[in-house]
C-alpha atoms as a PDB file:
ATOM      1  CA  UNK A   1     -41.440 -91.877   0.200  1.00  0.00           C
ATOM      2  CA  UNK A   2     -40.559 -89.920   2.906  1.00  0.00           C
ATOM      3  CA  UNK A   3     -42.776 -88.688   5.934  1.00  0.00           C
ATOM      4  CA  UNK A   4     -42.167 -86.354   8.348  1.00  0.00           C
ATOM      5  CA  UNK A   5     -43.961 -85.092  11.338  1.00  0.00           C
ATOM      6  CA  UNK A   6     -42.198 -81.715  12.991  1.00  0.00           C
ATOM      7  CA  UNK A   7     -44.502 -81.064  16.288  1.00  0.00           C
ATOM      8  CA  UNK A   8     -43.575 -77.885  18.067  1.00  0.00           C
ATOM      9  CA  UNK A   9     -45.153 -75.003  20.575  1.00  0.00           C
ATOM     10  CA  UNK A  10     -44.827 -71.499  19.956  1.00  0.00           C
ATOM     11  CA  UNK A  11     -44.904 -68.955  23.221  1.00  0.00           C
ATOM     12  CA  UNK A  12     -48.735 -67.918  24.029  1.00  0.00           C
ATOM     13  CA  UNK A  13     -49.960 -65.308  22.238  1.00  0.00           C
ATOM     14  CA  UNK A  14     -47.776 -66.232  19.316  1.00  0.00           C
ATOM     15  CA  UNK A  15     -49.347 -68.848  17.247  1.00  0.00           C
ATOM     16  CA  UNK A  16     -50.846 -66.804  14.991  1.00  0.00           C
ATOM     17  CA  UNK A  17     -47.864 -64.950  13.771  1.00  0.00           C
ATOM     18  CA  UNK A  18     -45.804 -68.457  13.493  1.00  0.00           C
ATOM     19  CA  UNK A  19     -48.375 -69.350  11.357  1.00  0.00           C
ATOM     20  CA  UNK A  20     -48.418 -66.039   9.120  1.00  0.00           C
ATOM     21  CA  UNK A  21     -44.164 -66.255   9.340  1.00  0.00           C
ATOM     22  CA  UNK A  22     -44.744 -69.782   7.826  1.00  0.00           C
ATOM     23  CA  UNK A  23     -46.403 -68.992   4.829  1.00  0.00           C
ATOM     24  CA  UNK A  24     -43.638 -68.032   2.485  1.00  0.00           C
ATOM     25  CA  UNK A  25     -41.707 -71.036   3.676  1.00  0.00           C
ATOM     26  CA  UNK A  26     -44.423 -73.337   2.964  1.00  0.00           C
ATOM     27  CA  UNK A  27     -45.184 -71.803  -0.711  1.00  0.00           C
ATOM     28  CA  UNK A  28     -41.332 -72.319  -1.431  1.00  0.00           C
ATOM     29  CA  UNK A  29     -41.231 -75.824  -0.003  1.00  0.00           C
ATOM     30  CA  UNK A  30     -44.161 -76.952  -2.432  1.00  0.00           C
ATOM     31  CA  UNK A  31     -42.284 -76.101  -5.190  1.00  0.00           C
ATOM     32  CA  UNK A  32     -39.156 -77.652  -4.390  1.00  0.00           C
ATOM     33  CA  UNK A  33     -38.178 -80.945  -6.360  1.00  0.00           C
ATOM     34  CA  UNK A  34     -39.124 -84.255  -4.227  1.00  0.00           C
ATOM     35  CA  UNK A  35     -42.075 -82.415  -2.257  1.00  0.00           C
ATOM     36  CA  UNK A  36     -45.276 -84.243  -2.311  1.00  0.00           C
ATOM     37  CA  UNK A  37     -47.058 -82.222   0.384  1.00  0.00           C
ATOM     38  CA  UNK A  38     -45.995 -79.828   3.053  1.00  0.00           C
ATOM     39  CA  UNK A  39     -48.444 -78.713   5.352  1.00  0.00           C
ATOM     40  CA  UNK A  40     -49.101 -76.695   8.920  1.00  0.00           C
ATOM     41  CA  UNK A  41     -51.698 -77.898  11.010  1.00  0.00           C
ATOM     42  CA  UNK A  42     -52.323 -76.285  14.399  1.00  0.00           C
ATOM     43  CA  UNK A  43     -53.721 -77.985  17.215  1.00  0.00           C
ATOM     44  CA  UNK A  44     -57.866 -77.655  18.279  1.00  0.00           C
ATOM     45  CA  UNK A  45     -56.585 -78.928  21.771  1.00  0.00           C
ATOM     46  CA  UNK A  46     -54.867 -75.845  22.757  1.00  0.00           C
ATOM     47  CA  UNK A  47     -53.539 -72.478  21.707  1.00  0.00           C
ATOM     48  CA  UNK A  48     -49.736 -72.975  21.229  1.00  0.00           C
ATOM     49  CA  UNK A  49     -48.624 -76.535  19.374  1.00  0.00           C
ATOM     50  CA  UNK A  50     -48.352 -76.518  16.039  1.00  0.00           C
ATOM     51  CA  UNK A  51     -47.104 -79.365  13.191  1.00  0.00           C
ATOM     52  CA  UNK A  52     -45.897 -79.936   9.984  1.00  0.00           C
ATOM     53  CA  UNK A  53     -46.806 -82.866   7.948  1.00  0.00           C
ATOM     54  CA  UNK A  54     -44.220 -83.441   5.376  1.00  0.00           C
ATOM     55  CA  UNK A  55     -43.905 -86.123   2.236  1.00  0.00           C
ATOM     56  CA  UNK A  56     -41.079 -86.240   0.128  1.00  0.00           C
ATOM     57  CA  UNK A  57     -40.204 -88.734  -2.848  1.00  0.00           C
ATOM     58  CA  UNK A  58     -36.649 -89.284  -1.195  1.00  0.00           C
ATOM     59  CA  UNK A  59     -34.111 -88.317   1.490  1.00  0.00           C
ATOM     60  CA  UNK A  60     -31.872 -86.387  -0.626  1.00  0.00           C
ATOM     61  CA  UNK A  61     -35.067 -84.329  -1.595  1.00  0.00           C
ATOM     62  CA  UNK A  62     -35.619 -83.884   2.004  1.00  0.00           C
ATOM     63  CA  UNK A  63     -31.899 -82.850   2.771  1.00  0.00           C
ATOM     64  CA  UNK A  64     -31.847 -80.335  -0.019  1.00  0.00           C
ATOM     65  CA  UNK A  65     -34.873 -79.059   1.939  1.00  0.00           C
ATOM     66  CA  UNK A  66     -33.243 -78.897   5.470  1.00  0.00           C
ATOM     67  CA  UNK A  67     -30.576 -76.874   3.855  1.00  0.00           C
ATOM     68  CA  UNK A  68     -32.666 -74.521   1.757  1.00  0.00           C
ATOM     69  CA  UNK A  69     -33.024 -70.863   2.616  1.00  0.00           C
ATOM     70  CA  UNK A  70     -36.157 -70.401   2.677  1.00  0.00           C
ATOM     71  CA  UNK A  71     -36.177 -73.092   5.528  1.00  0.00           C
ATOM     72  CA  UNK A  72     -33.572 -71.316   7.492  1.00  0.00           C
ATOM     73  CA  UNK A  73     -35.208 -68.008   7.085  1.00  0.00           C
ATOM     74  CA  UNK A  74     -38.032 -69.188   8.155  1.00  0.00           C
ATOM     75  CA  UNK A  75     -36.503 -70.741  11.573  1.00  0.00           C
ATOM     76  CA  UNK A  76     -34.751 -67.536  12.142  1.00  0.00           C
ATOM     77  CA  UNK A  77     -37.782 -65.396  12.274  1.00  0.00           C
ATOM     78  CA  UNK A  78     -39.820 -67.849  14.248  1.00  0.00           C
ATOM     79  CA  UNK A  79     -37.242 -68.293  16.803  1.00  0.00           C
ATOM     80  CA  UNK A  80     -38.536 -65.385  19.704  1.00  0.00           C
ATOM     81  CA  UNK A  81     -41.793 -66.784  18.850  1.00  0.00           C
ATOM     82  CA  UNK A  82     -41.834 -70.425  19.638  1.00  0.00           C
ATOM     83  CA  UNK A  83     -40.302 -72.456  22.804  1.00  0.00           C
ATOM     84  CA  UNK A  84     -37.119 -74.682  22.512  1.00  0.00           C
ATOM     85  CA  UNK A  85     -37.245 -78.620  22.018  1.00  0.00           C
ATOM     86  CA  UNK A  86     -39.503 -79.515  18.893  1.00  0.00           C
ATOM     87  CA  UNK A  87     -40.281 -83.066  17.988  1.00  0.00           C
ATOM     88  CA  UNK A  88     -38.935 -84.132  14.642  1.00  0.00           C
ATOM     89  CA  UNK A  89     -39.552 -87.506  13.471  1.00  0.00           C
ATOM     90  CA  UNK A  90     -39.023 -89.291   9.739  1.00  0.00           C
ATOM     91  CA  UNK A  91     -40.622 -92.722   8.533  1.00  0.00           C
ATOM     92  CA  UNK A  92     -39.638 -94.278   5.724  1.00  0.00           C
ATOM     93  CA  UNK A  93     -43.002 -95.375   4.509  1.00  0.00           C
ATOM     94  CA  UNK A  94     -44.211 -97.265   1.383  1.00  0.00           C
ATOM     95  CA  UNK A  95     -47.504 -97.187  -0.145  1.00  0.00           C
ATOM     96  CA  UNK A  96     -49.722-100.341   0.077  1.00  0.00           C
ATOM     97  CA  UNK A  97     -53.198-101.157  -0.155  1.00  0.00           C
ATOM     98  CA  UNK A  98     -56.329-102.943   2.139  1.00  0.00           C
END
């Protein structure tokens, strides 16, 4: 399983707008082959930080998502509402038990 965290900041006063713009992308992504989880979280510590947490069955599915039209559309629409320089991290995870 591939786990992705994508952390970014809205420009001041635009977090609600970015969250609104994300909804159609979230809905479309959750229907994609290989998508296990796709969630957008907002920070409780400030008014600008957002983070996607994603789980994918495999790297090929994630690559298809990265090339999807709905992700491209979301990125284009949010461009004026977010700061440059978000942080994207990918993890190769395996299930285990305690």
